[in-house]
Amino acid sequence: MPRTRSTCIIAYHEPQCGEIYQSIEALDRRGMQLIEAQDAAGFASYQREYGNTICGRHPIAVLLHSLAECAAKHAIAHQCRFVQCAGRRSMPWKCSRRA
C-alpha cells in the first residue's frame, strides 16, 4: 500500500452544519467563544467532550485560569477577543481513508 503524506481523522461531525469543513469551523468557533468569555471550566469541558486539537490549548487554559485568578484576587477585569483567524480551511492539508 502506498504511503500518504498525511492522514486526518474526523472524530466529530455535525451534519446540520453542512460539509465537514463547516462542522469543524463551527466547532472551532465554539472554542473561540469560550476563550473570549474567559470560561476556563467551559473550555476544559469543551476539550473533553470534542477532543478538538486547538493549537496552544494548554497555554490557552493557563491564560484563562490566570485571568480568573487575577479578577478574583485583584478585581482586575480583562477583555479577550479574536481579531483575526486564518481558520483550518486555509491550511493545505489532505485527508485519506484507511481501508
C-alpha atoms as a PDB file:
ATOM      1  CA  MET A   1       0.000   0.000   0.000  1.00  0.00           C
ATOM      2  CA  PRO A   2       1.443   3.420  -0.913  1.00  0.00           C
ATOM      3  CA  ARG A   3       2.141   5.823   1.921  1.00  0.00           C
ATOM      4  CA  THR A   4       0.208   9.065   2.123  1.00  0.00           C
ATOM      5  CA  ARG A   5       1.678  12.406   3.118  1.00  0.00           C
ATOM      6  CA  SER A   6      -0.820  12.843   5.920  1.00  0.00           C
ATOM      7  CA  THR A   7      -3.918  11.310   7.367  1.00  0.00           C
ATOM      8  CA  CYS A   8      -6.641  13.236   9.108  1.00  0.00           C
ATOM      9  CA  ILE A   9      -9.240  11.644  11.294  1.00  0.00           C
ATOM     10  CA  ILE A  10     -12.537  13.449  11.683  1.00  0.00           C
ATOM     11  CA  ALA A  11     -13.788  12.463  15.112  1.00  0.00           C
ATOM     12  CA  TYR A  12     -16.742  14.798  15.248  1.00  0.00           C
ATOM     13  CA  HIS A  13     -19.156  15.944  12.549  1.00  0.00           C
ATOM     14  CA  GLU A  14     -22.472  17.743  12.916  1.00  0.00           C
ATOM     15  CA  PRO A  15     -24.397  17.113   9.672  1.00  0.00           C
ATOM     16  CA  GLN A  16     -26.663  20.126  10.326  1.00  0.00           C
ATOM     17  CA  CYS A  17     -23.571  22.350   9.951  1.00  0.00           C
ATOM     18  CA  GLY A  18     -23.054  21.188   6.380  1.00  0.00           C
ATOM     19  CA  GLU A  19     -19.820  19.834   4.986  1.00  0.00           C
ATOM     20  CA  ILE A  20     -17.118  18.512   7.300  1.00  0.00           C
ATOM     21  CA  TYR A  21     -15.044  21.690   6.999  1.00  0.00           C
ATOM     22  CA  GLN A  22     -18.105  23.727   8.029  1.00  0.00           C
ATOM     23  CA  SER A  23     -18.667  21.467  11.025  1.00  0.00           C
ATOM     24  CA  ILE A  24     -15.012  21.879  12.026  1.00  0.00           C
ATOM     25  CA  GLU A  25     -15.313  25.647  11.662  1.00  0.00           C
ATOM     26  CA  ALA A  26     -18.434  25.669  13.873  1.00  0.00           C
ATOM     27  CA  LEU A  27     -16.595  23.572  16.459  1.00  0.00           C
ATOM     28  CA  ASP A  28     -13.623  25.956  16.375  1.00  0.00           C
ATOM     29  CA  ARG A  29     -15.953  28.936  16.814  1.00  0.00           C
ATOM     30  CA  ARG A  30     -17.453  27.325  19.937  1.00  0.00           C
ATOM     31  CA  GLY A  31     -13.979  27.069  21.400  1.00  0.00           C
ATOM     32  CA  MET A  32     -13.240  30.673  20.444  1.00  0.00           C
ATOM     33  CA  GLN A  33     -16.446  31.839  22.140  1.00  0.00           C
ATOM     34  CA  LEU A  34     -15.410  30.086  25.356  1.00  0.00           C
ATOM     35  CA  ILE A  35     -11.973  31.701  25.182  1.00  0.00           C
ATOM     36  CA  GLU A  36     -13.469  35.152  24.602  1.00  0.00           C
ATOM     37  CA  ALA A  37     -15.849  34.579  27.527  1.00  0.00           C
ATOM     38  CA  GLN A  38     -12.811  33.589  29.630  1.00  0.00           C
ATOM     39  CA  ASP A  39     -14.647  30.421  30.626  1.00  0.00           C
ATOM     40  CA  ALA A  40     -11.850  28.108  31.796  1.00  0.00           C
ATOM     41  CA  ALA A  41     -14.228  25.382  33.027  1.00  0.00           C
ATOM     42  CA  GLY A  42     -16.285  25.577  29.830  1.00  0.00           C
ATOM     43  CA  PHE A  43     -13.131  25.377  27.701  1.00  0.00           C
ATOM     44  CA  ALA A  44     -11.938  22.299  29.630  1.00  0.00           C
ATOM     45  CA  SER A  45     -15.355  20.678  29.225  1.00  0.00           C
ATOM     46  CA  TYR A  46     -15.342  21.511  25.505  1.00  0.00           C
ATOM     47  CA  GLN A  47     -11.908  19.870  25.135  1.00  0.00           C
ATOM     48  CA  ARG A  48     -13.043  16.736  26.976  1.00  0.00           C
ATOM     49  CA  GLU A  49     -16.276  16.457  25.002  1.00  0.00           C
ATOM     50  CA  TYR A  50     -14.962  17.111  21.492  1.00  0.00           C
ATOM     51  CA  GLY A  51     -11.231  16.436  21.707  1.00  0.00           C
ATOM     52  CA  ASN A  52     -10.682  19.346  19.325  1.00  0.00           C
ATOM     53  CA  THR A  53      -6.971  19.778  18.645  1.00  0.00           C
ATOM     54  CA  ILE A  54      -6.630  23.513  19.094  1.00  0.00           C
ATOM     55  CA  CYS A  55      -3.007  24.588  18.749  1.00  0.00           C
ATOM     56  CA  GLY A  56      -1.943  26.148  22.030  1.00  0.00           C
ATOM     57  CA  ARG A  57      -4.832  24.667  24.006  1.00  0.00           C
ATOM     58  CA  HIS A  58      -2.679  24.138  27.109  1.00  0.00           C
ATOM     59  CA  PRO A  59      -1.283  27.695  27.209  1.00  0.00           C
ATOM     60  CA  ILE A  60      -4.806  28.979  26.492  1.00  0.00           C
ATOM     61  CA  ALA A  61      -6.103  27.061  29.521  1.00  0.00           C
ATOM     62  CA  VAL A  62      -3.314  28.527  31.676  1.00  0.00           C
ATOM     63  CA  LEU A  63      -4.208  32.023  30.431  1.00  0.00           C
ATOM     64  CA  LEU A  64      -7.914  31.524  31.190  1.00  0.00           C
ATOM     65  CA  HIS A  65      -7.171  30.330  34.733  1.00  0.00           C
ATOM     66  CA  SER A  66      -4.707  33.202  35.257  1.00  0.00           C
ATOM     67  CA  LEU A  67      -7.271  35.771  34.128  1.00  0.00           C
ATOM     68  CA  ALA A  68      -9.860  34.304  36.505  1.00  0.00           C
ATOM     69  CA  GLU A  69      -7.369  34.383  39.372  1.00  0.00           C
ATOM     70  CA  CYS A  70      -6.414  37.970  38.568  1.00  0.00           C
ATOM     71  CA  ALA A  71     -10.065  39.022  38.503  1.00  0.00           C
ATOM     72  CA  ALA A  72     -10.819  37.245  41.784  1.00  0.00           C
ATOM     73  CA  LYS A  73      -7.783  38.392  43.778  1.00  0.00           C
ATOM     74  CA  HIS A  74      -7.179  41.854  42.360  1.00  0.00           C
ATOM     75  CA  ALA A  75     -10.563  42.873  40.935  1.00  0.00           C
ATOM     76  CA  ILE A  76      -8.957  43.434  37.550  1.00  0.00           C
ATOM     77  CA  ALA A  77     -11.072  42.517  34.554  1.00  0.00           C
ATOM     78  CA  HIS A  78      -9.631  41.798  31.131  1.00  0.00           C
ATOM     79  CA  GLN A  79     -11.256  41.578  27.737  1.00  0.00           C
ATOM     80  CA  CYS A  80     -10.345  38.827  25.329  1.00  0.00           C
ATOM     81  CA  ARG A  81     -11.368  38.739  21.683  1.00  0.00           C
ATOM     82  CA  PHE A  82     -10.129  37.330  18.421  1.00  0.00           C
ATOM     83  CA  VAL A  83      -9.168  39.943  15.861  1.00  0.00           C
ATOM     84  CA  GLN A  84      -8.234  37.565  13.051  1.00  0.00           C
ATOM     85  CA  CYS A  85      -8.460  33.850  12.494  1.00  0.00           C
ATOM     86  CA  ALA A  86      -6.935  32.108   9.490  1.00  0.00           C
ATOM     87  CA  GLY A  87      -9.050  29.020  10.099  1.00  0.00           C
ATOM     88  CA  ARG A  88      -8.382  25.487   9.043  1.00  0.00           C
ATOM     89  CA  ARG A  89      -9.835  25.847   5.556  1.00  0.00           C
ATOM     90  CA  SER A  90      -6.872  27.942   4.523  1.00  0.00           C
ATOM     91  CA  MET A  91      -4.449  25.206   5.531  1.00  0.00           C
ATOM     92  CA  PRO A  92      -3.293  22.909   2.729  1.00  0.00           C
ATOM     93  CA  TRP A  93      -3.961  19.506   4.246  1.00  0.00           C
ATOM     94  CA  LYS A  94      -5.134  16.323   2.623  1.00  0.00           C
ATOM     95  CA  CYS A  95      -7.316  13.616   4.020  1.00  0.00           C
ATOM     96  CA  SER A  96      -7.050   9.963   3.203  1.00  0.00           C
ATOM     97  CA  ARG A  97      -9.133   6.999   4.228  1.00  0.00           C
ATOM     98  CA  ARG A  98      -7.708   3.821   5.603  1.00  0.00           C
ATOM     99  CA  ALA A  99      -9.133   0.673   4.137  1.00  0.00           C
END
